[in-house]
Amino acid sequence: MLYNQQALRQSLMEREQKLDVVYKLLENWKSRLPHPLQDIHKLDMRRTLDDLQIREMALTMFRQYHEAIFMIYFPWAGSQSAGRISEDYRRRSRELCVNSAQDVLAIAYQISSLDILDKYVHALSTYVMASN
């Protein structure tokens, strides 16, 4: 849809329209997540991260969303996309990638400050020991 030979032969307008459709689909997916998982993009996710029942799912959805942003928009963010999309769309692609990276870093900081990784490693090691 976005990166095959046929897609690369599209006009700038067609390509940007398809990118808009993909973005709307991604945002629609995010808006349809169950309520606790819709909070995965708030700056303060402590309540979600403290809830053991939804933490793994929330972090999985968070990772999937930001991987999708990167996979969709990073190829259009750099100079290699010159002439394939408008300068405004290149700027938008860069902004989406930078905002996504900032969100990932903010959540990584929260995870490290809550000692979640230590708790997760401990729980995982306990599970492995019990299954042996």
Protein backbone atom coordinates (compact mmCIF):
# COMPACT_ATOMS: atom_id res chain seq x y z
CA MET A 1 0.00 0.00 0.00
CA LEU A 2 2.75 2.50 0.89
CA TYR A 3 6.07 1.05 -0.22
CA ASN A 4 5.58 -1.27 -3.17
CA GLN A 5 6.51 -0.25 -6.72
CA GLN A 6 2.95 0.70 -7.60
CA ALA A 7 2.72 2.96 -4.55
CA LEU A 8 6.01 4.64 -5.41
CA ARG A 9 4.62 5.53 -8.85
CA GLN A 10 1.70 7.42 -7.30
CA SER A 11 1.49 11.19 -7.35
CA LEU A 12 2.45 13.14 -4.26
CA MET A 13 -1.22 13.81 -3.56
CA GLU A 14 -2.19 10.13 -3.83
CA ARG A 15 0.70 9.06 -1.61
CA GLU A 16 -0.09 11.66 1.03
CA GLN A 17 -3.77 10.71 0.96
CA LYS A 18 -2.82 7.08 1.60
CA LEU A 19 -0.55 8.14 4.46
CA ASP A 20 -3.46 10.13 5.91
CA VAL A 21 -5.72 7.07 5.64
CA VAL A 22 -3.14 4.90 7.40
CA TYR A 23 -2.75 7.47 10.17
CA LYS A 24 -6.54 7.66 10.64
CA LEU A 25 -6.72 3.86 10.80
CA LEU A 26 -3.98 3.78 13.44
CA GLU A 27 -5.66 6.48 15.52
CA ASN A 28 -9.01 4.68 15.14
CA TRP A 29 -7.38 1.48 16.43
CA LYS A 30 -5.97 3.37 19.41
CA SER A 31 -9.34 5.00 20.19
CA ARG A 32 -11.05 1.59 20.21
CA LEU A 33 -8.74 0.05 22.80
CA PRO A 34 -10.39 -0.82 26.13
CA HIS A 35 -10.54 2.17 28.47
CA PRO A 36 -7.45 1.44 30.62
CA LEU A 37 -5.38 0.90 27.49
CA GLN A 38 -6.48 4.20 25.97
CA ASP A 39 -4.31 5.89 28.62
CA ILE A 40 -1.13 4.49 27.06
CA HIS A 41 -0.20 7.86 25.60
CA LYS A 42 -0.73 10.07 28.61
CA LEU A 43 2.41 11.58 30.03
CA ASP A 44 1.74 10.00 33.41
CA MET A 45 0.97 6.30 33.10
CA ARG A 46 1.86 5.40 36.68
CA ARG A 47 -1.62 4.15 37.56
CA THR A 48 -1.67 1.96 34.47
CA LEU A 49 1.87 0.71 35.06
CA ASP A 50 1.12 -0.06 38.71
CA ASP A 51 -1.78 -2.33 37.72
CA LEU A 52 -0.18 -5.72 37.18
CA GLN A 53 -3.22 -7.01 35.29
CA ILE A 54 -2.99 -4.46 32.51
CA ARG A 55 0.69 -3.43 32.56
CA GLU A 56 1.93 -5.99 30.06
CA MET A 57 -0.97 -5.39 27.69
CA ALA A 58 -0.59 -1.61 28.00
CA LEU A 59 3.12 -1.75 27.26
CA THR A 60 2.50 -4.10 24.33
CA MET A 61 -0.08 -1.73 22.84
CA PHE A 62 2.23 1.23 23.49
CA ARG A 63 5.08 -0.55 21.70
CA GLN A 64 2.89 -1.58 18.77
CA TYR A 65 1.56 1.94 18.31
CA HIS A 66 5.00 3.56 18.32
CA GLU A 67 6.49 0.87 16.08
CA ALA A 68 3.69 1.58 13.61
CA ILE A 69 4.40 5.34 13.69
CA PHE A 70 8.07 4.69 13.06
CA MET A 71 7.47 2.12 10.31
CA ILE A 72 4.94 4.31 8.50
CA TYR A 73 6.55 7.73 8.81
CA PHE A 74 10.31 7.34 9.24
CA PRO A 75 10.92 6.51 5.55
CA TRP A 76 9.25 9.84 4.67
CA ALA A 77 11.03 11.94 7.30
CA GLY A 78 14.48 12.21 5.76
CA SER A 79 16.09 13.68 2.68
CA GLN A 80 15.71 10.36 0.82
CA SER A 81 12.00 11.17 0.47
CA ALA A 82 12.62 14.46 -1.34
CA GLY A 83 10.37 14.65 -4.37
CA ARG A 84 8.27 11.70 -3.22
CA ILE A 85 6.19 13.74 -0.75
CA SER A 86 5.75 17.46 -0.10
CA GLU A 87 8.02 19.35 2.26
CA ASP A 88 5.03 19.92 4.57
CA TYR A 89 4.41 16.18 4.74
CA ARG A 90 8.11 15.48 5.34
CA ARG A 91 7.97 17.94 8.23
CA ARG A 92 4.82 16.25 9.57
CA SER A 93 6.52 12.85 9.29
CA ARG A 94 9.53 14.11 11.25
CA GLU A 95 7.26 15.62 13.91
CA LEU A 96 5.34 12.37 14.31
CA CYS A 97 8.58 10.39 14.65
CA VAL A 98 10.11 12.87 17.12
CA ASN A 99 6.91 13.03 19.20
CA SER A 100 6.76 9.26 19.23
CA ALA A 101 10.38 9.00 20.37
CA GLN A 102 9.71 11.53 23.13
CA ASP A 103 6.70 9.50 24.32
CA VAL A 104 8.81 6.34 24.38
CA LEU A 105 11.55 8.06 26.39
CA ALA A 106 9.01 9.50 28.85
CA ILE A 107 7.50 6.07 29.48
CA ALA A 108 10.96 4.50 29.73
CA TYR A 109 11.80 7.06 32.42
CA GLN A 110 8.59 6.24 34.30
CA ILE A 111 9.32 2.54 34.09
CA SER A 112 12.84 3.01 35.41
CA SER A 113 11.68 5.29 38.22
CA LEU A 114 9.03 2.80 39.34
CA ASP A 115 11.47 -0.13 39.47
CA ILE A 116 9.09 -2.02 37.20
CA LEU A 117 11.92 -3.75 35.39
CA ASP A 118 13.29 -5.16 38.66
CA LYS A 119 9.81 -6.40 39.62
CA TYR A 120 9.29 -7.88 36.15
CA VAL A 121 12.67 -9.65 36.13
CA HIS A 122 12.00 -11.00 39.62
CA ALA A 123 8.53 -12.27 38.63
CA LEU A 124 9.91 -13.81 35.45
CA SER A 125 12.76 -15.54 37.28
CA THR A 126 10.31 -16.86 39.89
CA TYR A 127 8.11 -18.23 37.12
CA VAL A 128 11.07 -19.91 35.37
CA MET A 129 12.29 -21.44 38.63
CA ALA A 130 8.81 -22.76 39.43
CA SER A 131 8.40 -24.33 36.01
CA ASN A 132 11.71 -26.20 36.24
